PDB file of N, CA and C in Angstrom:
ATOM      1  N   MET A   1      14.544   5.325   7.024  1.00  0.00           N
ATOM      2  CA  MET A   1      13.598   4.672   6.884  1.00  0.00           C
ATOM      3  C   MET A   1      13.091   4.964   5.036  1.00  0.00           C
ATOM      4  N   SER A   2      12.613   4.023   4.691  1.00  0.00           N
ATOM      5  CA  SER A   2      12.183   4.956   2.959  1.00  0.00           C
ATOM      6  C   SER A   2      10.661   4.626   3.037  1.00  0.00           C
ATOM      7  N   ARG A   3      10.563   5.719   2.345  1.00  0.00           N
ATOM      8  CA  ARG A   3       8.652   5.435   1.667  1.00  0.00           C
ATOM      9  C   ARG A   3       8.017   4.661   1.705  1.00  0.00           C
ATOM     10  N   THR A   4       8.666   3.661   1.130  1.00  0.00           N
ATOM     11  CA  THR A   4       7.674   2.221   0.510  1.00  0.00           C
ATOM     12  C   THR A   4       7.727   1.803   2.455  1.00  0.00           C
ATOM     13  N   GLN A   5       8.988   1.523   2.911  1.00  0.00           N
ATOM     14  CA  GLN A   5       8.818   1.076   4.208  1.00  0.00           C
ATOM     15  C   GLN A   5       7.351   1.673   4.919  1.00  0.00           C
ATOM     16  N   MET A   6       7.489   3.227   5.680  1.00  0.00           N
ATOM     17  CA  MET A   6       7.049   3.662   5.987  1.00  0.00           C
ATOM     18  C   MET A   6       5.313   3.789   5.901  1.00  0.00           C
ATOM     19  N   GLY A   7       5.371   3.627   4.257  1.00  0.00           N
ATOM     20  CA  GLY A   7       3.620   3.729   3.419  1.00  0.00           C
ATOM     21  C   GLY A   7       3.086   2.204   3.796  1.00  0.00           C
ATOM     22  N   LEU A   8       3.797   0.940   4.010  1.00  0.00           N
ATOM     23  CA  LEU A   8       3.681  -0.752   4.326  1.00  0.00           C
ATOM     24  C   LEU A   8       3.386  -0.251   5.571  1.00  0.00           C
ATOM     25  N   LEU A   9       4.039   0.100   6.966  1.00  0.00           N
ATOM     26  CA  LEU A   9       4.002   0.349   8.514  1.00  0.00           C
ATOM     27  C   LEU A   9       2.763   1.442   8.682  1.00  0.00           C
ATOM     28  N   ILE A  10       2.222   2.352   7.747  1.00  0.00           N
ATOM     29  CA  ILE A  10       1.302   3.138   8.101  1.00  0.00           C
ATOM     30  C   ILE A  10      -0.362   2.259   7.450  1.00  0.00           C
ATOM     31  N   GLY A  11      -0.345   1.528   6.742  1.00  0.00           N
ATOM     32  CA  GLY A  11      -1.082   0.810   5.895  1.00  0.00           C
ATOM     33  C   GLY A  11      -1.085  -0.259   6.942  1.00  0.00           C
ATOM     34  N   VAL A  12      -0.467  -0.900   7.300  1.00  0.00           N
ATOM     35  CA  VAL A  12      -0.508  -1.963   8.438  1.00  0.00           C
ATOM     36  C   VAL A  12      -1.292  -1.743   9.668  1.00  0.00           C
ATOM     37  N   LEU A  13      -0.997  -0.080   9.786  1.00  0.00           N
ATOM     38  CA  LEU A  13      -1.488   0.324  11.410  1.00  0.00           C
ATOM     39  C   LEU A  13      -2.616   0.502  11.382  1.00  0.00           C
ATOM     40  N   LEU A  14      -2.977   1.458  10.263  1.00  0.00           N
ATOM     41  CA  LEU A  14      -4.569   1.452  10.024  1.00  0.00           C
ATOM     42  C   LEU A  14      -5.410   0.258   9.304  1.00  0.00           C
ATOM     43  N   GLY A  15      -4.939  -0.546   8.872  1.00  0.00           N
ATOM     44  CA  GLY A  15      -5.312  -1.625   8.921  1.00  0.00           C
ATOM     45  C   GLY A  15      -6.035  -2.519  10.501  1.00  0.00           C
ATOM     46  N   LEU A  16      -5.141  -2.242  11.405  1.00  0.00           N
ATOM     47  CA  LEU A  16      -5.285  -2.962  12.186  1.00  0.00           C
ATOM     48  C   LEU A  16      -6.176  -1.627  13.398  1.00  0.00           C
ATOM     49  N   ALA A  17      -6.253  -0.955  13.248  1.00  0.00           N
ATOM     50  CA  ALA A  17      -7.275  -0.018  14.132  1.00  0.00           C
ATOM     51  C   ALA A  17      -8.092  -0.221  13.021  1.00  0.00           C
ATOM     52  N   ALA A  18      -8.501  -0.069  12.520  1.00  0.00           N
ATOM     53  CA  ALA A  18     -10.021   0.037  11.461  1.00  0.00           C
ATOM     54  C   ALA A  18     -10.635  -1.346  11.714  1.00  0.00           C
ATOM     55  N   ALA A  19      -9.654  -2.285  11.821  1.00  0.00           N
ATOM     56  CA  ALA A  19     -10.426  -3.718  11.718  1.00  0.00           C
ATOM     57  C   ALA A  19     -10.151  -4.902  13.484  1.00  0.00           C
ATOM     58  N   LEU A  20     -10.544  -4.716  14.112  1.00  0.00           N
ATOM     59  CA  LEU A  20     -10.232  -5.450  14.714  1.00  0.00           C
ATOM     60  C   LEU A  20     -10.521  -7.036  15.408  1.00  0.00           C
ATOM     61  N   GLY A  21     -10.027  -8.108  15.231  1.00  0.00           N
ATOM     62  CA  GLY A  21     -10.293  -9.324  15.466  1.00  0.00           C
ATOM     63  C   GLY A  21     -10.937 -10.193  14.241  1.00  0.00           C
ATOM     64  N   GLY A  22     -10.717 -11.518  14.061  1.00  0.00           N
ATOM     65  CA  GLY A  22     -11.335 -12.495  13.456  1.00  0.00           C
ATOM     66  C   GLY A  22     -10.723 -12.227  11.508  1.00  0.00           C
ATOM     67  N   PHE A  23     -11.460 -12.819  10.727  1.00  0.00           N
ATOM     68  CA  PHE A  23     -10.990 -13.255   9.475  1.00  0.00           C
ATOM     69  C   PHE A  23     -10.906 -12.158   8.421  1.00  0.00           C
ATOM     70  N   GLY A  24     -11.739 -11.556   9.114  1.00  0.00           N
ATOM     71  CA  GLY A  24     -12.330  -9.830   8.360  1.00  0.00           C
ATOM     72  C   GLY A  24     -11.153  -8.982   8.336  1.00  0.00           C
ATOM     73  N   ALA A  25     -10.558  -8.350   9.575  1.00  0.00           N
ATOM     74  CA  ALA A  25      -9.908  -8.059  10.184  1.00  0.00           C
ATOM     75  C   ALA A  25      -8.343  -8.261   9.477  1.00  0.00           C
ATOM     76  N   PHE A  26      -8.164  -9.488   9.726  1.00  0.00           N
ATOM     77  CA  PHE A  26      -6.970  -9.985   8.993  1.00  0.00           C
ATOM     78  C   PHE A  26      -6.757  -9.785   7.788  1.00  0.00           C
ATOM     79  N   ALA A  27      -8.120  -9.631   6.465  1.00  0.00           N
ATOM     80  CA  ALA A  27      -8.050  -9.418   5.483  1.00  0.00           C
ATOM     81  C   ALA A  27      -8.025  -7.573   5.364  1.00  0.00           C
ATOM     82  N   ALA A  28      -8.876  -7.367   5.701  1.00  0.00           N
ATOM     83  CA  ALA A  28      -9.176  -5.675   5.981  1.00  0.00           C
ATOM     84  C   ALA A  28      -6.943  -5.484   5.877  1.00  0.00           C
ATOM     85  N   THR A  29      -6.764  -6.027   7.006  1.00  0.00           N
ATOM     86  CA  THR A  29      -5.164  -5.572   6.977  1.00  0.00           C
ATOM     87  C   THR A  29      -4.072  -6.051   5.902  1.00  0.00           C
ATOM     88  N   VAL A  30      -4.656  -6.964   5.730  1.00  0.00           N
ATOM     89  CA  VAL A  30      -3.650  -7.276   4.510  1.00  0.00           C
ATOM     90  C   VAL A  30      -4.076  -6.606   3.618  1.00  0.00           C
ATOM     91  N   VAL A  31      -4.974  -5.813   3.317  1.00  0.00           N
ATOM     92  CA  VAL A  31      -5.773  -4.992   1.760  1.00  0.00           C
ATOM     93  C   VAL A  31      -5.235  -3.772   2.222  1.00  0.00           C
ATOM     94  N   PHE A  32      -4.742  -3.059   3.535  1.00  0.00           N
ATOM     95  CA  PHE A  32      -4.496  -1.773   3.702  1.00  0.00           C
ATOM     96  C   PHE A  32      -2.789  -1.802   3.491  1.00  0.00           C
ATOM     97  N   GLY A  33      -2.572  -3.315   3.758  1.00  0.00           N
ATOM     98  CA  GLY A  33      -0.863  -2.791   4.246  1.00  0.00           C
ATOM     99  C   GLY A  33      -0.313  -2.654   2.742  1.00  0.00           C
ATOM    100  N   ALA A  34      -1.239  -3.253   1.436  1.00  0.00           N
ATOM    101  CA  ALA A  34      -0.639  -3.510   0.249  1.00  0.00           C
ATOM    102  C   ALA A  34      -1.098  -2.443  -0.600  1.00  0.00           C
ATOM    103  N   THR A  35      -2.291  -1.975   0.214  1.00  0.00           N
ATOM    104  CA  THR A  35      -2.041  -0.244  -0.400  1.00  0.00           C
ATOM    105  C   THR A  35      -1.309   0.720  -0.344  1.00  0.00           C
ATOM    106  N   GLY A  36      -0.871   0.608   1.399  1.00  0.00           N
ATOM    107  CA  GLY A  36       0.356   1.103   1.667  1.00  0.00           C
ATOM    108  C   GLY A  36       1.467   0.894   1.142  1.00  0.00           C
ATOM    109  N   LEU A  37       1.401  -0.073   0.840  1.00  0.00           N
ATOM    110  CA  LEU A  37       2.870  -0.596  -0.093  1.00  0.00           C
ATOM    111  C   LEU A  37       3.371   0.288  -1.340  1.00  0.00           C
ATOM    112  N   LEU A  38       2.187  -0.268  -2.026  1.00  0.00           N
ATOM    113  CA  LEU A  38       1.873   0.487  -3.408  1.00  0.00           C
ATOM    114  C   LEU A  38       2.096   1.852  -3.606  1.00  0.00           C
ATOM    115  N   VAL A  39       1.499   2.536  -2.708  1.00  0.00           N
ATOM    116  CA  VAL A  39       1.464   3.961  -2.540  1.00  0.00           C
ATOM    117  C   VAL A  39       2.923   4.930  -2.213  1.00  0.00           C
ATOM    118  N   GLY A  40       3.540   3.606  -1.614  1.00  0.00           N
ATOM    119  CA  GLY A  40       4.989   3.785  -0.979  1.00  0.00           C
ATOM    120  C   GLY A  40       5.962   3.823  -1.369  1.00  0.00           C
ATOM    121  N   ARG A  41       5.610   2.693  -2.631  1.00  0.00           N
ATOM    122  CA  ARG A  41       6.500   2.550  -3.704  1.00  0.00           C
ATOM    123  C   ARG A  41       6.850   3.475  -5.095  1.00  0.00           C
ATOM    124  N   TYR A  42       5.127   3.964  -5.093  1.00  0.00           N
ATOM    125  CA  TYR A  42       5.346   4.940  -6.270  1.00  0.00           C
ATOM    126  C   TYR A  42       5.265   6.473  -5.599  1.00  0.00           C
ATOM    127  N   LEU A  43       6.208   6.362  -4.656  1.00  0.00           N
ATOM    128  CA  LEU A  43       6.284   7.906  -3.780  1.00  0.00           C
ATOM    129  C   LEU A  43       7.657   7.923  -3.965  1.00  0.00           C
ATOM    130  N   ASP A  44       8.281   6.202  -3.982  1.00  0.00           N
ATOM    131  CA  ASP A  44       9.774   5.878  -4.282  1.00  0.00           C
ATOM    132  C   ASP A  44      10.420   5.928  -5.509  1.00  0.00           C
ATOM    133  N   GLY A  45       8.855   6.408  -6.230  1.00  0.00           N
ATOM    134  CA  GLY A  45       9.947   6.306  -7.912  1.00  0.00           C
ATOM    135  C   GLY A  45       9.919   4.735  -8.593  1.00  0.00           C
ATOM    136  N   LYS A  46       9.349   3.773  -7.329  1.00  0.00           N
ATOM    137  CA  LYS A  46       9.829   2.287  -8.082  1.00  0.00           C
ATOM    138  C   LYS A  46       8.782   1.450  -8.290  1.00  0.00           C
ATOM    139  N   LEU A  47       7.737   2.328  -8.356  1.00  0.00           N
ATOM    140  CA  LEU A  47       6.692   1.595  -9.398  1.00  0.00           C
ATOM    141  C   LEU A  47       5.801   2.777 -10.150  1.00  0.00           C
ATOM    142  N   ASP A  48       5.640   1.756 -11.473  1.00  0.00           N
ATOM    143  CA  ASP A  48       5.388   2.954 -12.734  1.00  0.00           C
ATOM    144  C   ASP A  48       4.139   2.860 -12.809  1.00  0.00           C
ATOM    145  N   LEU A  49       3.180   3.973 -12.927  1.00  0.00           N
ATOM    146  CA  LEU A  49       1.235   3.049 -13.113  1.00  0.00           C
ATOM    147  C   LEU A  49       1.346   3.467 -14.591  1.00  0.00           C
ATOM    148  N   SER A  50       2.473   4.233 -15.697  1.00  0.00           N
ATOM    149  CA  SER A  50       1.777   4.495 -16.704  1.00  0.00           C
ATOM    150  C   SER A  50       1.491   3.315 -17.536  1.00  0.00           C
ATOM    151  N   GLN A  51       1.684   2.439 -17.260  1.00  0.00           N
ATOM    152  CA  GLN A  51       1.023   0.574 -18.357  1.00  0.00           C
ATOM    153  C   GLN A  51      -0.060   0.619 -18.339  1.00  0.00           C
ATOM    154  N   PHE A  52      -0.411   0.922 -17.050  1.00  0.00           N
ATOM    155  CA  PHE A  52      -2.129   0.574 -16.192  1.00  0.00           C
ATOM    156  C   PHE A  52      -2.727   2.298 -16.568  1.00  0.00           C
ATOM    157  N   VAL A  53      -2.561   2.844 -16.925  1.00  0.00           N
ATOM    158  CA  VAL A  53      -3.536   4.112 -16.860  1.00  0.00           C
ATOM    159  C   VAL A  53      -3.166   5.098 -19.158  1.00  0.00           C
ATOM    160  N   GLY A  54      -2.080   4.299 -19.581  1.00  0.00           N
ATOM    161  CA  GLY A  54      -2.435   4.262 -21.261  1.00  0.00           C
ATOM    162  C   GLY A  54      -1.396   5.274 -21.025  1.00  0.00           C
ATOM    163  N   ARG A  55      -0.673   6.001 -20.765  1.00  0.00           N
ATOM    164  CA  ARG A  55       0.476   6.932 -20.899  1.00  0.00           C
ATOM    165  C   ARG A  55       1.667   5.995 -21.132  1.00  0.00           C
ATOM    166  N   ASP A  56       2.411   6.523 -22.066  1.00  0.00           N
ATOM    167  CA  ASP A  56       3.739   6.203 -22.676  1.00  0.00           C
ATOM    168  C   ASP A  56       4.523   6.910 -22.216  1.00  0.00           C
ATOM    169  N   ARG A  57       5.726   6.890 -21.635  1.00  0.00           N
ATOM    170  CA  ARG A  57       7.429   7.844 -21.709  1.00  0.00           C
ATOM    171  C   ARG A  57       7.816   8.020 -22.884  1.00  0.00           C
ATOM    172  N   GLY A  58       7.678   7.165 -23.983  1.00  0.00           N
ATOM    173  CA  GLY A  58       8.407   7.631 -24.626  1.00  0.00           C
ATOM    174  C   GLY A  58       7.989   6.877 -26.234  1.00  0.00           C
TER     175      GLY A  58
END
């Protein structure tokens, strides 16, 4: 299991644990899942954030 998949899984589980029931829980789960996915992709090196923070590599 890659870090991207692990990050997504952890984010979804945290979202489910943090908010149970209703539309608010669904929205929170989506936000936590997306956050976990982004963190996992960054740790795998598949997401380059330099364009957002103003740093260029070359």
